[in-house]
């Protein structure tokens, strides 16, 4: 049962029908807010999406630091995955196929001959069920779930997925993704696809923001953005952010900007490890990201062109950065990459923690 607080959440309900196997169901699409002091985050169950994160700057002025839209209806037509959970398999699958247990599966191609973020209608383009909505107490949270049926977008097996968003402390956001394979082995790779601009969603580009990425290696790609299977050192390349540099410091050495998977130091496992630190010196806002995933896709909104967002502001390339913690792209076709296969009885677990803070005013 959904607990709705009129003080903290304005919910716009829209009827939307979808089919799970042979059983038609109707879910309501709404907007849900979690708030602690002057830190607030809004979500919609369309794509289990983050639609705003409001934080103070070093002078106490509040600002929304994620790109997005004014209405839930606009998210339904979004092609940039703004704020959404992407899956069943985040990032790319080369040739839109893979072989598992002797069977070759052809999944839906939606980027040339390849599959991107789960196909034509991945988890970002469906209505998730609201399982928990708690606005009070020391850890406000909202939990979304989605049942993905056997054969959806070509993927094998029924899969039950949950995503829990929780506010922790004064200014931390916890994201916990889980998926359980119900009857067949299947690839699972979920990612959170928020576009961040710590200067504010309407502040222009992020080229002057400083970023440090805790990864000594990355996975190079071919002309279709499919990994070659190599794991290469970042040293001597534009991908080296082991020390803090501005996003724009080496971006001109790349064709369009950053869109690459980093191999995080510390490897895969249950323990949280640092992913990246981002600092906007003008506002003083800082963001630390931690995860249990083995990789992170660093993307600088290269193909966000003339997109009308919140309050009518028009977003352009490099208006934000994405840090999509994940399994490696096309891992289903590269045995040397960490496995993304989940078998019945196993539970896929993926944790992220965003830590927000501000530097003192100068």
Protein backbone atom coordinates (compact mmCIF):
# COMPACT_ATOMS: atom_id res chain seq x y z
CA UNK A 1 0.00 0.00 0.00
CA UNK A 2 1.36 3.42 -0.96
CA UNK A 3 1.54 6.02 1.76
CA UNK A 4 0.99 9.44 0.21
CA UNK A 5 1.93 12.61 2.09
CA UNK A 6 0.33 15.74 0.63
CA UNK A 7 2.97 17.88 2.32
CA UNK A 8 5.88 16.11 0.71
CA UNK A 9 4.56 14.80 -2.54
CA UNK A 10 2.35 15.98 -5.35
CA UNK A 11 1.29 12.93 -7.23
CA UNK A 12 0.02 13.08 -10.76
CA UNK A 13 -1.75 9.86 -11.62
CA UNK A 14 -1.91 8.65 -15.18
CA UNK A 15 -3.48 5.36 -16.19
CA UNK A 16 -1.11 3.22 -18.22
CA UNK A 17 -1.73 -0.35 -19.28
CA UNK A 18 0.96 -2.93 -19.82
CA UNK A 19 1.12 -6.68 -20.20
CA UNK A 20 3.04 -9.27 -18.20
CA UNK A 21 2.82 -12.48 -20.17
CA UNK A 22 -0.88 -13.05 -20.74
CA UNK A 23 -2.01 -11.03 -17.74
CA UNK A 24 -2.89 -7.36 -18.34
CA UNK A 25 -2.45 -5.02 -15.38
CA UNK A 26 -2.75 -1.28 -14.81
CA UNK A 27 -0.36 0.74 -12.72
CA UNK A 28 -0.53 4.42 -11.83
CA UNK A 29 2.32 6.75 -12.67
CA UNK A 30 3.19 9.22 -9.96
CA UNK A 31 5.81 11.57 -8.54
CA UNK A 32 7.19 10.79 -5.08
CA UNK A 33 9.37 13.00 -2.91
CA UNK A 34 11.79 12.14 -0.10
CA UNK A 35 13.08 15.01 2.02
CA UNK A 36 15.42 15.63 4.95
CA UNK A 37 15.90 19.28 5.85
CA UNK A 38 16.88 21.19 2.70
CA UNK A 39 17.95 17.99 0.87
CA UNK A 40 15.18 16.55 -1.29
CA UNK A 41 14.89 14.01 -4.09
CA UNK A 42 11.91 13.35 -6.36
CA UNK A 43 11.20 10.16 -8.27
CA UNK A 44 8.67 8.70 -10.63
CA UNK A 45 7.79 5.04 -11.03
CA UNK A 46 8.03 5.50 -14.79
CA UNK A 47 11.43 3.84 -15.21
CA UNK A 48 12.10 4.06 -11.44
CA UNK A 49 13.52 7.45 -12.34
CA UNK A 50 15.24 10.18 -10.32
CA UNK A 51 13.68 13.42 -11.58
CA UNK A 52 15.26 15.98 -9.23
CA UNK A 53 17.89 16.31 -6.50
CA UNK A 54 17.82 19.62 -4.65
CA UNK A 55 20.88 20.63 -2.64
CA UNK A 56 22.20 23.84 -1.05
CA UNK A 57 25.33 25.48 -2.42
CA UNK A 58 28.10 26.99 -0.27
CA UNK A 59 25.94 30.06 0.37
CA UNK A 60 22.88 28.04 1.29
CA UNK A 61 21.07 28.63 -2.00
CA UNK A 62 19.07 25.61 -3.12
CA UNK A 63 19.43 24.22 -6.62
CA UNK A 64 18.34 21.18 -8.63
CA UNK A 65 21.47 19.35 -9.80
CA UNK A 66 20.01 16.80 -12.25
CA UNK A 67 18.76 17.26 -15.79
CA UNK A 68 15.18 16.34 -16.48
CA UNK A 69 11.69 17.46 -17.44
CA UNK A 70 8.77 19.32 -15.90
CA UNK A 71 6.20 16.55 -16.49
CA UNK A 72 6.12 12.80 -16.20
CA UNK A 73 4.54 12.66 -19.65
CA UNK A 74 7.77 14.03 -21.16
CA UNK A 75 9.80 11.20 -19.61
CA UNK A 76 7.71 8.74 -21.61
CA UNK A 77 9.10 10.22 -24.83
CA UNK A 78 12.66 10.70 -23.58
CA UNK A 79 15.42 9.07 -25.62
CA UNK A 80 18.29 9.99 -23.30
CA UNK A 81 17.35 7.75 -20.32
CA UNK A 82 17.28 10.83 -18.04
CA UNK A 83 17.45 9.61 -14.43
CA UNK A 84 16.14 6.12 -15.18
CA UNK A 85 17.08 2.61 -14.18
CA UNK A 86 18.26 0.91 -17.36
CA UNK A 87 18.17 -2.84 -18.00
CA UNK A 88 17.69 -5.79 -18.29
CA UNK A 89 21.21 -5.24 -19.56
CA UNK A 90 22.68 -1.74 -19.24
CA UNK A 91 25.06 -0.43 -21.89
CA UNK A 92 25.64 -2.40 -25.10
CA UNK A 93 25.41 -5.97 -26.36
CA UNK A 94 27.34 -6.40 -29.60
CA UNK A 95 25.40 -7.82 -32.53
CA UNK A 96 22.28 -7.90 -30.31
CA UNK A 97 22.97 -11.52 -29.39
CA UNK A 98 24.78 -13.80 -26.96
CA UNK A 99 25.11 -17.51 -26.24
CA UNK A 100 24.20 -18.92 -22.84
CA UNK A 101 24.23 -22.61 -21.88
CA UNK A 102 24.47 -23.59 -25.54
CA UNK A 103 21.53 -21.47 -26.71
CA UNK A 104 21.99 -18.33 -28.79
CA UNK A 105 19.60 -15.54 -27.84
CA UNK A 106 18.81 -12.70 -30.22
CA UNK A 107 17.76 -9.60 -28.34
CA UNK A 108 16.16 -6.48 -29.75
CA UNK A 109 18.61 -4.20 -31.56
CA UNK A 110 17.99 -0.48 -31.01
CA UNK A 111 21.37 1.07 -31.85
CA UNK A 112 22.30 -0.08 -35.32
CA UNK A 113 23.00 -3.81 -35.08
CA UNK A 114 23.54 -3.62 -31.32
CA UNK A 115 21.39 -3.51 -28.19
CA UNK A 116 21.61 -0.49 -25.90
CA UNK A 117 20.20 -0.35 -22.35
CA UNK A 118 17.89 -3.33 -22.73
CA UNK A 119 16.42 -2.80 -26.19
CA UNK A 120 13.62 -0.72 -27.67
CA UNK A 121 11.59 -0.92 -24.45
CA UNK A 122 13.91 -1.58 -21.57
CA UNK A 123 13.32 -1.03 -17.87
CA UNK A 124 13.52 2.75 -18.35
CA UNK A 125 10.32 2.68 -20.44
CA UNK A 126 7.96 0.70 -18.22
CA UNK A 127 5.85 1.42 -15.17
CA UNK A 128 7.29 0.08 -11.93
CA UNK A 129 5.14 -0.85 -8.94
CA UNK A 130 5.56 1.26 -5.80
CA UNK A 131 6.13 -1.28 -3.04
CA UNK A 132 7.14 1.07 -0.21
CA UNK A 133 6.81 4.82 0.22
CA UNK A 134 7.96 6.10 3.59
CA UNK A 135 8.42 9.83 4.03
CA UNK A 136 9.01 9.95 7.79
CA UNK A 137 11.69 8.72 10.18
CA UNK A 138 15.49 8.79 10.01
CA UNK A 139 15.65 7.01 6.63
CA UNK A 140 12.87 8.04 4.21
CA UNK A 141 12.67 5.62 1.31
CA UNK A 142 10.80 4.55 -1.78
CA UNK A 143 11.02 1.06 -3.25
CA UNK A 144 10.01 0.20 -6.83
CA UNK A 145 9.62 -3.26 -8.36
CA UNK A 146 9.22 -4.65 -11.85
CA UNK A 147 8.43 -8.11 -13.16
CA UNK A 148 10.23 -8.80 -16.46
CA UNK A 149 8.73 -11.74 -18.32
CA UNK A 150 10.54 -14.53 -20.15
CA UNK A 151 11.32 -13.33 -23.68
CA UNK A 152 10.93 -9.62 -22.96
CA UNK A 153 13.13 -7.84 -25.54
CA UNK A 154 14.54 -11.31 -26.28
CA UNK A 155 16.06 -12.01 -22.86
CA UNK A 156 15.55 -15.46 -21.30
CA UNK A 157 13.67 -16.16 -18.10
CA UNK A 158 11.34 -14.36 -15.73
CA UNK A 159 13.11 -11.75 -13.60
CA UNK A 160 11.87 -9.91 -10.51
CA UNK A 161 13.63 -6.58 -9.96
CA UNK A 162 13.55 -4.09 -7.08
CA UNK A 163 15.20 -0.70 -6.63
CA UNK A 164 15.28 1.00 -3.23
CA UNK A 165 16.11 4.69 -2.88
CA UNK A 166 16.84 5.83 0.69
CA UNK A 167 17.95 9.13 2.20
CA UNK A 168 20.71 8.44 4.73
CA UNK A 169 22.11 10.94 7.21
CA UNK A 170 21.71 14.59 6.27
CA UNK A 171 22.73 14.43 2.61
CA UNK A 172 23.37 10.88 1.37
CA UNK A 173 21.33 8.98 -1.22
CA UNK A 174 21.50 5.18 -1.17
CA UNK A 175 20.48 3.15 -4.22
CA UNK A 176 20.08 -0.63 -3.91
CA UNK A 177 19.19 -2.71 -6.94
CA UNK A 178 18.28 -6.38 -6.73
CA UNK A 179 17.12 -8.92 -9.27
CA UNK A 180 16.12 -12.54 -8.88
CA UNK A 181 16.11 -14.99 -11.80
CA UNK A 182 12.99 -17.08 -11.33
CA UNK A 183 13.35 -19.95 -13.80
CA UNK A 184 16.25 -19.51 -16.27
CA UNK A 185 19.80 -18.21 -16.24
CA UNK A 186 19.88 -14.71 -17.70
CA UNK A 187 22.21 -11.73 -18.05
CA UNK A 188 21.46 -8.92 -15.60
CA UNK A 189 23.21 -5.56 -15.59
CA UNK A 190 21.30 -2.64 -14.08
CA UNK A 191 22.51 0.96 -14.02
CA UNK A 192 21.23 4.28 -12.67
CA UNK A 193 21.35 6.88 -15.47
CA UNK A 194 21.05 10.29 -13.82
CA UNK A 195 22.62 13.30 -15.56
CA UNK A 196 24.46 15.38 -12.95
CA UNK A 197 25.39 19.07 -13.05
CA UNK A 198 26.45 20.24 -9.60
CA UNK A 199 26.26 23.86 -10.73
CA UNK A 200 22.54 23.36 -11.30
CA UNK A 201 20.64 21.75 -14.15
CA UNK A 202 20.34 25.17 -15.86
CA UNK A 203 23.93 26.35 -15.34
CA UNK A 204 25.40 25.39 -18.71
CA UNK A 205 28.17 22.84 -19.28
CA UNK A 206 30.16 20.77 -16.77
CA UNK A 207 33.58 21.20 -18.41
CA UNK A 208 34.91 23.23 -15.46
CA UNK A 209 33.74 20.71 -12.86
CA UNK A 210 36.57 18.73 -11.31
CA UNK A 211 36.40 14.94 -11.31
CA UNK A 212 38.50 12.14 -9.89
CA UNK A 213 37.78 8.55 -11.01
CA UNK A 214 39.25 5.70 -8.98
CA UNK A 215 40.07 3.47 -11.92
CA UNK A 216 43.50 2.58 -13.31
CA UNK A 217 42.10 0.82 -16.39
CA UNK A 218 39.32 1.07 -18.94
CA UNK A 219 37.77 -1.11 -21.64
CA UNK A 220 38.48 0.34 -25.13
CA UNK A 221 35.76 0.09 -27.78
CA UNK A 222 35.46 -0.21 -31.55
CA UNK A 223 33.73 2.24 -33.89
CA UNK A 224 30.31 0.93 -32.79
CA UNK A 225 31.11 1.48 -29.07
CA UNK A 226 31.42 -2.27 -28.46
CA UNK A 227 34.34 -3.33 -26.19
CA UNK A 228 37.25 -5.01 -27.95
CA UNK A 229 37.75 -7.28 -24.93
CA UNK A 230 40.97 -5.55 -23.89
CA UNK A 231 41.57 -3.97 -20.50
CA UNK A 232 43.98 -1.07 -20.89
CA UNK A 233 45.79 1.32 -18.51
CA UNK A 234 44.49 4.90 -18.38
CA UNK A 235 48.03 6.27 -18.02
CA UNK A 236 49.03 8.51 -20.87
CA UNK A 237 45.46 8.71 -22.20
CA UNK A 238 42.68 11.34 -21.93
CA UNK A 239 40.89 8.84 -19.66
CA UNK A 240 43.28 9.33 -16.75
CA UNK A 241 41.42 10.92 -13.84
CA UNK A 242 43.31 9.15 -11.07
CA UNK A 243 44.09 12.67 -9.86
CA UNK A 244 41.42 15.39 -9.97
CA UNK A 245 41.18 17.25 -13.27
CA UNK A 246 38.48 19.35 -14.84
CA UNK A 247 36.16 17.42 -17.14
CA UNK A 248 37.24 19.64 -20.02
CA UNK A 249 40.99 19.30 -19.48
CA UNK A 250 41.44 16.64 -22.18
CA UNK A 251 38.00 16.36 -23.74
CA UNK A 252 39.14 17.95 -27.00
CA UNK A 253 41.35 14.90 -27.59
CA UNK A 254 38.18 12.80 -28.02
CA UNK A 255 35.73 12.81 -30.91
CA UNK A 256 32.63 13.89 -28.98
CA UNK A 257 33.44 13.57 -25.31
CA UNK A 258 33.60 10.83 -22.71
CA UNK A 259 31.52 7.67 -23.12
CA UNK A 260 33.65 4.83 -21.76
CA UNK A 261 33.60 2.06 -19.17
CA UNK A 262 36.20 2.27 -16.41
CA UNK A 263 37.46 -0.80 -14.54
CA UNK A 264 37.18 0.31 -10.93
CA UNK A 265 40.11 -0.31 -8.62
CA UNK A 266 39.10 -2.90 -6.03
CA UNK A 267 37.26 -5.20 -8.44
CA UNK A 268 33.85 -6.77 -8.02
CA UNK A 269 32.47 -7.95 -4.72
CA UNK A 270 30.12 -7.15 -1.89
CA UNK A 271 32.21 -4.35 -0.41
CA UNK A 272 31.60 -0.73 -1.34
CA UNK A 273 34.51 1.04 -3.02
CA UNK A 274 35.00 4.61 -4.20
CA UNK A 275 34.01 5.38 -7.80
CA UNK A 276 34.45 9.11 -8.27
CA UNK A 277 34.53 12.54 -6.63
CA UNK A 278 32.99 15.51 -8.43
CA UNK A 279 33.44 19.14 -7.34
CA UNK A 280 31.85 22.31 -8.70
CA UNK A 281 34.07 25.12 -7.40
CA UNK A 282 31.63 27.91 -8.23
CA UNK A 283 28.81 26.54 -6.05
CA UNK A 284 31.01 24.52 -3.69
CA UNK A 285 28.87 21.43 -4.20
CA UNK A 286 30.65 18.08 -4.01
CA UNK A 287 29.52 14.55 -4.78
CA UNK A 288 31.23 11.29 -3.84
CA UNK A 289 30.02 8.04 -5.38
CA UNK A 290 30.62 4.55 -3.97
CA UNK A 291 29.49 1.20 -5.37
CA UNK A 292 29.79 -2.59 -5.28
CA UNK A 293 29.82 -2.82 -9.11
CA UNK A 294 33.05 -3.57 -11.02
CA UNK A 295 32.73 -0.76 -13.56
CA UNK A 296 31.41 2.72 -14.24
CA UNK A 297 30.42 4.33 -17.53
CA UNK A 298 31.57 7.95 -17.60
CA UNK A 299 29.42 9.86 -20.09
CA UNK A 300 29.43 13.60 -20.74
CA UNK A 301 26.02 14.00 -22.39
CA UNK A 302 27.65 14.17 -25.82
CA UNK A 303 24.42 13.65 -27.73
CA UNK A 304 22.10 15.82 -25.66
CA UNK A 305 21.33 18.40 -28.34
CA UNK A 306 18.62 21.08 -28.11
CA UNK A 307 16.68 19.14 -25.46
CA UNK A 308 14.09 21.30 -23.71
CA UNK A 309 14.22 20.48 -20.00
CA UNK A 310 12.97 21.86 -16.72
CA UNK A 311 11.64 25.42 -16.71
CA UNK A 312 12.16 25.55 -20.48
CA UNK A 313 15.95 25.47 -20.21
CA UNK A 314 17.51 23.98 -23.35
CA UNK A 315 20.20 21.37 -22.67
CA UNK A 316 23.19 21.03 -24.99
CA UNK A 317 26.16 18.63 -25.26
CA UNK A 318 28.23 18.42 -22.05
CA UNK A 319 25.39 19.90 -20.00
CA UNK A 320 25.88 17.10 -17.46
CA UNK A 321 27.87 14.00 -16.64
CA UNK A 322 26.67 10.48 -15.95
CA UNK A 323 28.43 7.99 -13.66
CA UNK A 324 26.65 4.71 -14.39
CA UNK A 325 28.06 2.01 -12.13
CA UNK A 326 27.62 -1.33 -13.86
CA UNK A 327 28.92 -4.65 -15.04
CA UNK A 328 31.11 -4.28 -18.10
CA UNK A 329 29.37 -3.60 -21.42
CA UNK A 330 28.97 -6.64 -23.70
CA UNK A 331 30.22 -8.85 -20.87
CA UNK A 332 27.97 -11.63 -22.19
CA UNK A 333 30.33 -11.91 -25.18
CA UNK A 334 33.65 -11.54 -23.35
CA UNK A 335 34.52 -14.43 -20.98
CA UNK A 336 37.43 -12.41 -19.53
CA UNK A 337 35.02 -9.77 -18.18
CA UNK A 338 33.29 -10.25 -14.80
CA UNK A 339 30.23 -12.43 -15.29
CA UNK A 340 26.81 -10.79 -15.50
CA UNK A 341 24.88 -14.07 -15.55
CA UNK A 342 22.36 -14.68 -12.78
CA UNK A 343 21.00 -18.21 -12.31
CA UNK A 344 17.80 -19.31 -10.54
CA UNK A 345 18.39 -19.22 -6.81
CA UNK A 346 20.91 -16.39 -7.12
CA UNK A 347 20.17 -12.73 -6.43
CA UNK A 348 21.82 -9.93 -8.36
CA UNK A 349 22.85 -7.15 -5.94
CA UNK A 350 24.13 -3.72 -6.89
CA UNK A 351 24.60 -0.90 -4.38
CA UNK A 352 25.42 2.77 -4.89
CA UNK A 353 25.90 5.55 -2.37
CA UNK A 354 25.94 9.23 -3.30
CA UNK A 355 27.49 11.51 -0.66
CA UNK A 356 26.74 15.21 -1.12
CA UNK A 357 28.52 18.05 0.68
CA UNK A 358 29.60 21.68 0.19
CA UNK A 359 32.89 23.48 0.63
CA UNK A 360 32.99 26.55 2.86
CA UNK A 361 32.30 29.92 1.16
CA UNK A 362 35.44 31.85 0.24
